[in-house]
Amino acid sequence: MSYAEKLRKWEELEEEAREVRRRSADWAFIESLPPRLREVLKYYIETGDIRRAARLAGMKLEDFRELLRRANVPVVV
């Protein structure tokens, strides 16, 4: 498998994970949050970067994971 094929496959997997996060999210709950948390959750849903999202939220990783659970956003790896 060439580098370009591997890259294309990786991009497909990332898009699939993004779609799972989007579909599963409780958008009413997310929209009810304060602006900072709302935007950080949207950032996580789009990027999947849990560590950076937790840092941007000013939360410990385990606290951010709890917020994800409350927002019904799966951690897709």
PDB file of N, CA and C in Angstrom:
ATOM      1  N   MET A   1       0.846  -1.172   0.000  1.00  0.00           N
ATOM      2  CA  MET A   1       0.000   0.000   0.000  1.00  0.00           C
ATOM      3  C   MET A   1       0.895   1.240   0.000  1.00  0.00           C
ATOM      4  N   SER A   2       0.647   2.107  -0.936  1.00  0.00           N
ATOM      5  CA  SER A   2       1.470   3.311  -1.056  1.00  0.00           C
ATOM      6  C   SER A   2       1.117   4.322   0.041  1.00  0.00           C
ATOM      7  N   TYR A   3       1.987   5.294   0.184  1.00  0.00           N
ATOM      8  CA  TYR A   3       1.766   6.353   1.173  1.00  0.00           C
ATOM      9  C   TYR A   3       0.450   7.080   0.895  1.00  0.00           C
ATOM     10  N   ALA A   4       0.178   7.381  -0.369  1.00  0.00           N
ATOM     11  CA  ALA A   4      -1.048   8.099  -0.736  1.00  0.00           C
ATOM     12  C   ALA A   4      -2.283   7.276  -0.381  1.00  0.00           C
ATOM     13  N   GLU A   5      -2.214   5.968  -0.593  1.00  0.00           N
ATOM     14  CA  GLU A   5      -3.346   5.100  -0.251  1.00  0.00           C
ATOM     15  C   GLU A   5      -3.554   5.049   1.262  1.00  0.00           C
ATOM     16  N   LYS A   6      -2.460   4.977   2.004  1.00  0.00           N
ATOM     17  CA  LYS A   6      -2.557   4.966   3.470  1.00  0.00           C
ATOM     18  C   LYS A   6      -3.155   6.274   3.972  1.00  0.00           C
ATOM     19  N   LEU A   7      -2.710   7.379   3.397  1.00  0.00           N
ATOM     20  CA  LEU A   7      -3.221   8.689   3.785  1.00  0.00           C
ATOM     21  C   LEU A   7      -4.716   8.797   3.478  1.00  0.00           C
ATOM     22  N   ARG A   8      -5.124   8.334   2.307  1.00  0.00           N
ATOM     23  CA  ARG A   8      -6.529   8.374   1.915  1.00  0.00           C
ATOM     24  C   ARG A   8      -7.372   7.526   2.873  1.00  0.00           C
ATOM     25  N   LYS A   9      -6.858   6.344   3.222  1.00  0.00           N
ATOM     26  CA  LYS A   9      -7.562   5.460   4.152  1.00  0.00           C
ATOM     27  C   LYS A   9      -7.689   6.127   5.523  1.00  0.00           C
ATOM     28  N   TRP A  10      -6.612   6.759   5.994  1.00  0.00           N
ATOM     29  CA  TRP A  10      -6.626   7.456   7.282  1.00  0.00           C
ATOM     30  C   TRP A  10      -7.677   8.574   7.270  1.00  0.00           C
ATOM     31  N   GLU A  11      -7.728   9.325   6.188  1.00  0.00           N
ATOM     32  CA  GLU A  11      -8.706  10.406   6.073  1.00  0.00           C
ATOM     33  C   GLU A  11     -10.134   9.862   6.089  1.00  0.00           C
ATOM     34  N   GLU A  12     -10.358   8.721   5.441  1.00  0.00           N
ATOM     35  CA  GLU A  12     -11.680   8.096   5.445  1.00  0.00           C
ATOM     36  C   GLU A  12     -12.075   7.675   6.856  1.00  0.00           C
ATOM     37  N   LEU A  13     -11.130   7.095   7.594  1.00  0.00           N
ATOM     38  CA  LEU A  13     -11.405   6.673   8.966  1.00  0.00           C
ATOM     39  C   LEU A  13     -11.697   7.872   9.863  1.00  0.00           C
ATOM     40  N   GLU A  14     -10.950   8.956   9.674  1.00  0.00           N
ATOM     41  CA  GLU A  14     -11.187  10.176  10.454  1.00  0.00           C
ATOM     42  C   GLU A  14     -12.577  10.743  10.167  1.00  0.00           C
ATOM     43  N   GLU A  15     -12.975  10.755   8.909  1.00  0.00           N
ATOM     44  CA  GLU A  15     -14.295  11.278   8.542  1.00  0.00           C
ATOM     45  C   GLU A  15     -15.399  10.394   9.121  1.00  0.00           C
ATOM     46  N   GLU A  16     -15.197   9.093   9.091  1.00  0.00           N
ATOM     47  CA  GLU A  16     -16.175   8.167   9.661  1.00  0.00           C
ATOM     48  C   GLU A  16     -16.334   8.407  11.171  1.00  0.00           C
ATOM     49  N   ALA A  17     -15.228   8.571  11.872  1.00  0.00           N
ATOM     50  CA  ALA A  17     -15.273   8.839  13.315  1.00  0.00           C
ATOM     51  C   ALA A  17     -15.976  10.169  13.586  1.00  0.00           C
ATOM     52  N   ARG A  18     -15.698  11.169  12.772  1.00  0.00           N
ATOM     53  CA  ARG A  18     -16.330  12.488  12.914  1.00  0.00           C
ATOM     54  C   ARG A  18     -17.850  12.362  12.761  1.00  0.00           C
ATOM     55  N   GLU A  19     -18.284  11.584  11.778  1.00  0.00           N
ATOM     56  CA  GLU A  19     -19.714  11.384  11.546  1.00  0.00           C
ATOM     57  C   GLU A  19     -20.375  10.676  12.725  1.00  0.00           C
ATOM     58  N   VAL A  20     -19.698   9.685  13.294  1.00  0.00           N
ATOM     59  CA  VAL A  20     -20.232   8.981  14.466  1.00  0.00           C
ATOM     60  C   VAL A  20     -20.402   9.962  15.618  1.00  0.00           C
ATOM     61  N   ARG A  21     -19.393  10.794  15.853  1.00  0.00           N
ATOM     62  CA  ARG A  21     -19.484  11.784  16.937  1.00  0.00           C
ATOM     63  C   ARG A  21     -20.620  12.771  16.671  1.00  0.00           C
ATOM     64  N   ARG A  22     -20.769  13.222  15.433  1.00  0.00           N
ATOM     65  CA  ARG A  22     -21.831  14.184  15.099  1.00  0.00           C
ATOM     66  C   ARG A  22     -23.215  13.584  15.314  1.00  0.00           C
ATOM     67  N   ARG A  23     -23.412  12.362  14.808  1.00  0.00           N
ATOM     68  CA  ARG A  23     -24.725  11.723  14.899  1.00  0.00           C
ATOM     69  C   ARG A  23     -25.110  11.405  16.338  1.00  0.00           C
ATOM     70  N   SER A  24     -24.144  11.011  17.146  1.00  0.00           N
ATOM     71  CA  SER A  24     -24.431  10.583  18.516  1.00  0.00           C
ATOM     72  C   SER A  24     -24.628  11.744  19.483  1.00  0.00           C
ATOM     73  N   ALA A  25     -24.107  12.892  19.162  1.00  0.00           N
ATOM     74  CA  ALA A  25     -24.103  14.028  20.089  1.00  0.00           C
ATOM     75  C   ALA A  25     -25.518  14.488  20.437  1.00  0.00           C
ATOM     76  N   ASP A  26     -25.695  14.865  21.682  1.00  0.00           N
ATOM     77  CA  ASP A  26     -26.940  15.464  22.161  1.00  0.00           C
ATOM     78  C   ASP A  26     -26.809  16.972  21.944  1.00  0.00           C
ATOM     79  N   TRP A  27     -27.249  17.428  20.777  1.00  0.00           N
ATOM     80  CA  TRP A  27     -27.029  18.817  20.386  1.00  0.00           C
ATOM     81  C   TRP A  27     -27.806  19.796  21.253  1.00  0.00           C
ATOM     82  N   ALA A  28     -28.969  19.383  21.769  1.00  0.00           N
ATOM     83  CA  ALA A  28     -29.727  20.275  22.659  1.00  0.00           C
ATOM     84  C   ALA A  28     -28.926  20.531  23.932  1.00  0.00           C
ATOM     85  N   PHE A  29     -28.318  19.484  24.479  1.00  0.00           N
ATOM     86  CA  PHE A  29     -27.492  19.640  25.676  1.00  0.00           C
ATOM     87  C   PHE A  29     -26.280  20.516  25.371  1.00  0.00           C
ATOM     88  N   ILE A  30     -25.625  20.241  24.251  1.00  0.00           N
ATOM     89  CA  ILE A  30     -24.425  21.004  23.883  1.00  0.00           C
ATOM     90  C   ILE A  30     -24.756  22.484  23.730  1.00  0.00           C
ATOM     91  N   GLU A  31     -25.859  22.792  23.072  1.00  0.00           N
ATOM     92  CA  GLU A  31     -26.240  24.193  22.861  1.00  0.00           C
ATOM     93  C   GLU A  31     -26.637  24.886  24.159  1.00  0.00           C
ATOM     94  N   SER A  32     -26.996  24.111  25.194  1.00  0.00           N
ATOM     95  CA  SER A  32     -27.387  24.713  26.476  1.00  0.00           C
ATOM     96  C   SER A  32     -26.184  25.069  27.352  1.00  0.00           C
ATOM     97  N   LEU A  33     -24.996  24.637  26.962  1.00  0.00           N
ATOM     98  CA  LEU A  33     -23.789  24.874  27.756  1.00  0.00           C
ATOM     99  C   LEU A  33     -23.277  26.305  27.591  1.00  0.00           C
ATOM    100  N   PRO A  34     -22.444  26.758  28.531  1.00  0.00           N
ATOM    101  CA  PRO A  34     -21.791  28.062  28.366  1.00  0.00           C
ATOM    102  C   PRO A  34     -20.954  28.068  27.076  1.00  0.00           C
ATOM    103  N   PRO A  35     -20.755  29.239  26.484  1.00  0.00           N
ATOM    104  CA  PRO A  35     -20.075  29.327  25.185  1.00  0.00           C
ATOM    105  C   PRO A  35     -18.744  28.578  25.101  1.00  0.00           C
ATOM    106  N   ARG A  36     -17.913  28.699  26.106  1.00  0.00           N
ATOM    107  CA  ARG A  36     -16.589  28.056  26.041  1.00  0.00           C
ATOM    108  C   ARG A  36     -16.719  26.534  25.931  1.00  0.00           C
ATOM    109  N   LEU A  37     -17.542  25.931  26.801  1.00  0.00           N
ATOM    110  CA  LEU A  37     -17.712  24.477  26.764  1.00  0.00           C
ATOM    111  C   LEU A  37     -18.397  24.030  25.479  1.00  0.00           C
ATOM    112  N   ARG A  38     -19.369  24.813  25.030  1.00  0.00           N
ATOM    113  CA  ARG A  38     -20.067  24.488  23.782  1.00  0.00           C
ATOM    114  C   ARG A  38     -19.076  24.432  22.617  1.00  0.00           C
ATOM    115  N   GLU A  39     -18.225  25.433  22.515  1.00  0.00           N
ATOM    116  CA  GLU A  39     -17.268  25.482  21.407  1.00  0.00           C
ATOM    117  C   GLU A  39     -16.199  24.398  21.523  1.00  0.00           C
ATOM    118  N   VAL A  40     -15.791  24.093  22.747  1.00  0.00           N
ATOM    119  CA  VAL A  40     -14.792  23.037  22.936  1.00  0.00           C
ATOM    120  C   VAL A  40     -15.377  21.682  22.541  1.00  0.00           C
ATOM    121  N   LEU A  41     -16.632  21.432  22.897  1.00  0.00           N
ATOM    122  CA  LEU A  41     -17.256  20.171  22.482  1.00  0.00           C
ATOM    123  C   LEU A  41     -17.363  20.093  20.960  1.00  0.00           C
ATOM    124  N   LYS A  42     -17.712  21.186  20.321  1.00  0.00           N
ATOM    125  CA  LYS A  42     -17.763  21.205  18.852  1.00  0.00           C
ATOM    126  C   LYS A  42     -16.374  20.946  18.272  1.00  0.00           C
ATOM    127  N   TYR A  43     -15.358  21.527  18.889  1.00  0.00           N
ATOM    128  CA  TYR A  43     -13.980  21.294  18.448  1.00  0.00           C
ATOM    129  C   TYR A  43     -13.642  19.811  18.552  1.00  0.00           C
ATOM    130  N   TYR A  44     -13.983  19.196  19.687  1.00  0.00           N
ATOM    131  CA  TYR A  44     -13.695  17.770  19.856  1.00  0.00           C
ATOM    132  C   TYR A  44     -14.450  16.934  18.822  1.00  0.00           C
ATOM    133  N   ILE A  45     -15.712  17.244  18.595  1.00  0.00           N
ATOM    134  CA  ILE A  45     -16.514  16.479  17.638  1.00  0.00           C
ATOM    135  C   ILE A  45     -15.875  16.538  16.253  1.00  0.00           C
ATOM    136  N   GLU A  46     -15.364  17.688  15.874  1.00  0.00           N
ATOM    137  CA  GLU A  46     -14.760  17.842  14.548  1.00  0.00           C
ATOM    138  C   GLU A  46     -13.357  17.257  14.444  1.00  0.00           C
ATOM    139  N   THR A  47     -12.575  17.334  15.509  1.00  0.00           N
ATOM    140  CA  THR A  47     -11.171  16.915  15.409  1.00  0.00           C
ATOM    141  C   THR A  47     -10.864  15.587  16.079  1.00  0.00           C
ATOM    142  N   GLY A  48     -11.593  15.267  17.148  1.00  0.00           N
ATOM    143  CA  GLY A  48     -11.300  14.053  17.899  1.00  0.00           C
ATOM    144  C   GLY A  48     -10.105  14.190  18.829  1.00  0.00           C
ATOM    145  N   ASP A  49      -9.573  15.394  18.968  1.00  0.00           N
ATOM    146  CA  ASP A  49      -8.391  15.631  19.802  1.00  0.00           C
ATOM    147  C   ASP A  49      -8.831  15.887  21.244  1.00  0.00           C
ATOM    148  N   ILE A  50      -8.945  14.804  22.013  1.00  0.00           N
ATOM    149  CA  ILE A  50      -9.499  14.889  23.365  1.00  0.00           C
ATOM    150  C   ILE A  50      -8.585  15.648  24.317  1.00  0.00           C
ATOM    151  N   ARG A  51      -7.291  15.471  24.184  1.00  0.00           N
ATOM    152  CA  ARG A  51      -6.367  16.151  25.102  1.00  0.00           C
ATOM    153  C   ARG A  51      -6.375  17.667  24.891  1.00  0.00           C
ATOM    154  N   ARG A  52      -6.329  18.097  23.658  1.00  0.00           N
ATOM    155  CA  ARG A  52      -6.362  19.539  23.392  1.00  0.00           C
ATOM    156  C   ARG A  52      -7.714  20.129  23.790  1.00  0.00           C
ATOM    157  N   ALA A  53      -8.793  19.404  23.517  1.00  0.00           N
ATOM    158  CA  ALA A  53     -10.117  19.902  23.888  1.00  0.00           C
ATOM    159  C   ALA A  53     -10.230  20.059  25.402  1.00  0.00           C
ATOM    160  N   ALA A  54      -9.737  19.080  26.148  1.00  0.00           N
ATOM    161  CA  ALA A  54      -9.776  19.173  27.614  1.00  0.00           C
ATOM    162  C   ALA A  54      -8.957  20.371  28.090  1.00  0.00           C
ATOM    163  N   ARG A  55      -7.799  20.562  27.479  1.00  0.00           N
ATOM    164  CA  ARG A  55      -6.939  21.693  27.843  1.00  0.00           C
ATOM    165  C   ARG A  55      -7.644  23.021  27.535  1.00  0.00           C
ATOM    166  N   LEU A  56      -8.271  23.117  26.360  1.00  0.00           N
ATOM    167  CA  LEU A  56      -8.989  24.343  25.994  1.00  0.00           C
ATOM    168  C   LEU A  56     -10.154  24.616  26.942  1.00  0.00           C
ATOM    169  N   ALA A  57     -10.773  23.543  27.437  1.00  0.00           N
ATOM    170  CA  ALA A  57     -11.890  23.693  28.372  1.00  0.00           C
ATOM    171  C   ALA A  57     -11.410  24.023  29.776  1.00  0.00           C
ATOM    172  N   GLY A  58     -10.108  23.849  30.019  1.00  0.00           N
ATOM    173  CA  GLY A  58      -9.574  24.074  31.356  1.00  0.00           C
ATOM    174  C   GLY A  58      -9.977  22.978  32.318  1.00  0.00           C
ATOM    175  N   MET A  59     -10.125  21.755  31.785  1.00  0.00           N
ATOM    176  CA  MET A  59     -10.593  20.630  32.589  1.00  0.00           C
ATOM    177  C   MET A  59      -9.560  19.519  32.605  1.00  0.00           C
ATOM    178  N   LYS A  60      -9.617  18.701  33.650  1.00  0.00           N
ATOM    179  CA  LYS A  60      -8.822  17.476  33.666  1.00  0.00           C
ATOM    180  C   LYS A  60      -9.431  16.535  32.637  1.00  0.00           C
ATOM    181  N   LEU A  61      -8.609  15.643  32.111  1.00  0.00           N
ATOM    182  CA  LEU A  61      -9.074  14.728  31.074  1.00  0.00           C
ATOM    183  C   LEU A  61     -10.279  13.917  31.536  1.00  0.00           C
ATOM    184  N   GLU A  62     -10.236  13.384  32.752  1.00  0.00           N
ATOM    185  CA  GLU A  62     -11.361  12.563  33.226  1.00  0.00           C
ATOM    186  C   GLU A  62     -12.633  13.394  33.389  1.00  0.00           C
ATOM    187  N   ASP A  63     -12.504  14.663  33.767  1.00  0.00           N
ATOM    188  CA  ASP A  63     -13.677  15.538  33.860  1.00  0.00           C
ATOM    189  C   ASP A  63     -14.239  15.840  32.472  1.00  0.00           C
ATOM    190  N   PHE A  64     -13.348  16.019  31.506  1.00  0.00           N
ATOM    191  CA  PHE A  64     -13.803  16.271  30.138  1.00  0.00           C
ATOM    192  C   PHE A  64     -14.504  15.039  29.572  1.00  0.00           C
ATOM    193  N   ARG A  65     -13.983  13.850  29.876  1.00  0.00           N
ATOM    194  CA  ARG A  65     -14.644  12.618  29.422  1.00  0.00           C
ATOM    195  C   ARG A  65     -16.046  12.508  30.018  1.00  0.00           C
ATOM    196  N   GLU A  66     -16.201  12.940  31.260  1.00  0.00           N
ATOM    197  CA  GLU A  66     -17.532  12.937  31.884  1.00  0.00           C
ATOM    198  C   GLU A  66     -18.462  13.899  31.143  1.00  0.00           C
ATOM    199  N   LEU A  67     -17.952  15.057  30.755  1.00  0.00           N
ATOM    200  CA  LEU A  67     -18.746  15.996  29.968  1.00  0.00           C
ATOM    201  C   LEU A  67     -19.147  15.362  28.632  1.00  0.00           C
ATOM    202  N   LEU A  68     -18.227  14.645  28.008  1.00  0.00           N
ATOM    203  CA  LEU A  68     -18.551  13.950  26.760  1.00  0.00           C
ATOM    204  C   LEU A  68     -19.670  12.940  26.977  1.00  0.00           C
ATOM    205  N   ARG A  69     -19.616  12.208  28.092  1.00  0.00           N
ATOM    206  CA  ARG A  69     -20.673  11.236  28.399  1.00  0.00           C
ATOM    207  C   ARG A  69     -22.021  11.944  28.551  1.00  0.00           C
ATOM    208  N   ARG A  70     -22.024  13.059  29.271  1.00  0.00           N
ATOM    209  CA  ARG A  70     -23.269  13.805  29.472  1.00  0.00           C
ATOM    210  C   ARG A  70     -23.809  14.336  28.146  1.00  0.00           C
ATOM    211  N   ALA A  71     -22.907  14.670  27.223  1.00  0.00           N
ATOM    212  CA  ALA A  71     -23.304  15.180  25.906  1.00  0.00           C
ATOM    213  C   ALA A  71     -23.544  14.048  24.909  1.00  0.00           C
ATOM    214  N   ASN A  72     -23.382  12.806  25.370  1.00  0.00           N
ATOM    215  CA  ASN A  72     -23.598  11.623  24.534  1.00  0.00           C
ATOM    216  C   ASN A  72     -22.662  11.580  23.322  1.00  0.00           C
ATOM    217  N   VAL A  73     -21.459  12.088  23.492  1.00  0.00           N
ATOM    218  CA  VAL A  73     -20.457  12.093  22.421  1.00  0.00           C
ATOM    219  C   VAL A  73     -19.491  10.938  22.680  1.00  0.00           C
ATOM    220  N   PRO A  74     -19.425   9.965  21.766  1.00  0.00           N
ATOM    221  CA  PRO A  74     -18.528   8.832  21.988  1.00  0.00           C
ATOM    222  C   PRO A  74     -17.062   9.206  21.764  1.00  0.00           C
ATOM    223  N   VAL A  75     -16.194   8.494  22.460  1.00  0.00           N
ATOM    224  CA  VAL A  75     -14.756   8.625  22.230  1.00  0.00           C
ATOM    225  C   VAL A  75     -14.407   7.551  21.208  1.00  0.00           C
ATOM    226  N   VAL A  76     -14.191   7.965  19.971  1.00  0.00           N
ATOM    227  CA  VAL A  76     -13.904   7.040  18.873  1.00  0.00           C
ATOM    228  C   VAL A  76     -12.411   7.049  18.618  1.00  0.00           C
ATOM    229  N   VAL A  77     -11.795   5.882  18.724  1.00  0.00           N
ATOM    230  CA  VAL A  77     -10.353   5.778  18.473  1.00  0.00           C
ATOM    231  C   VAL A  77     -10.083   4.853  17.315  1.00  0.00           C
TER     232      VAL A  77
END
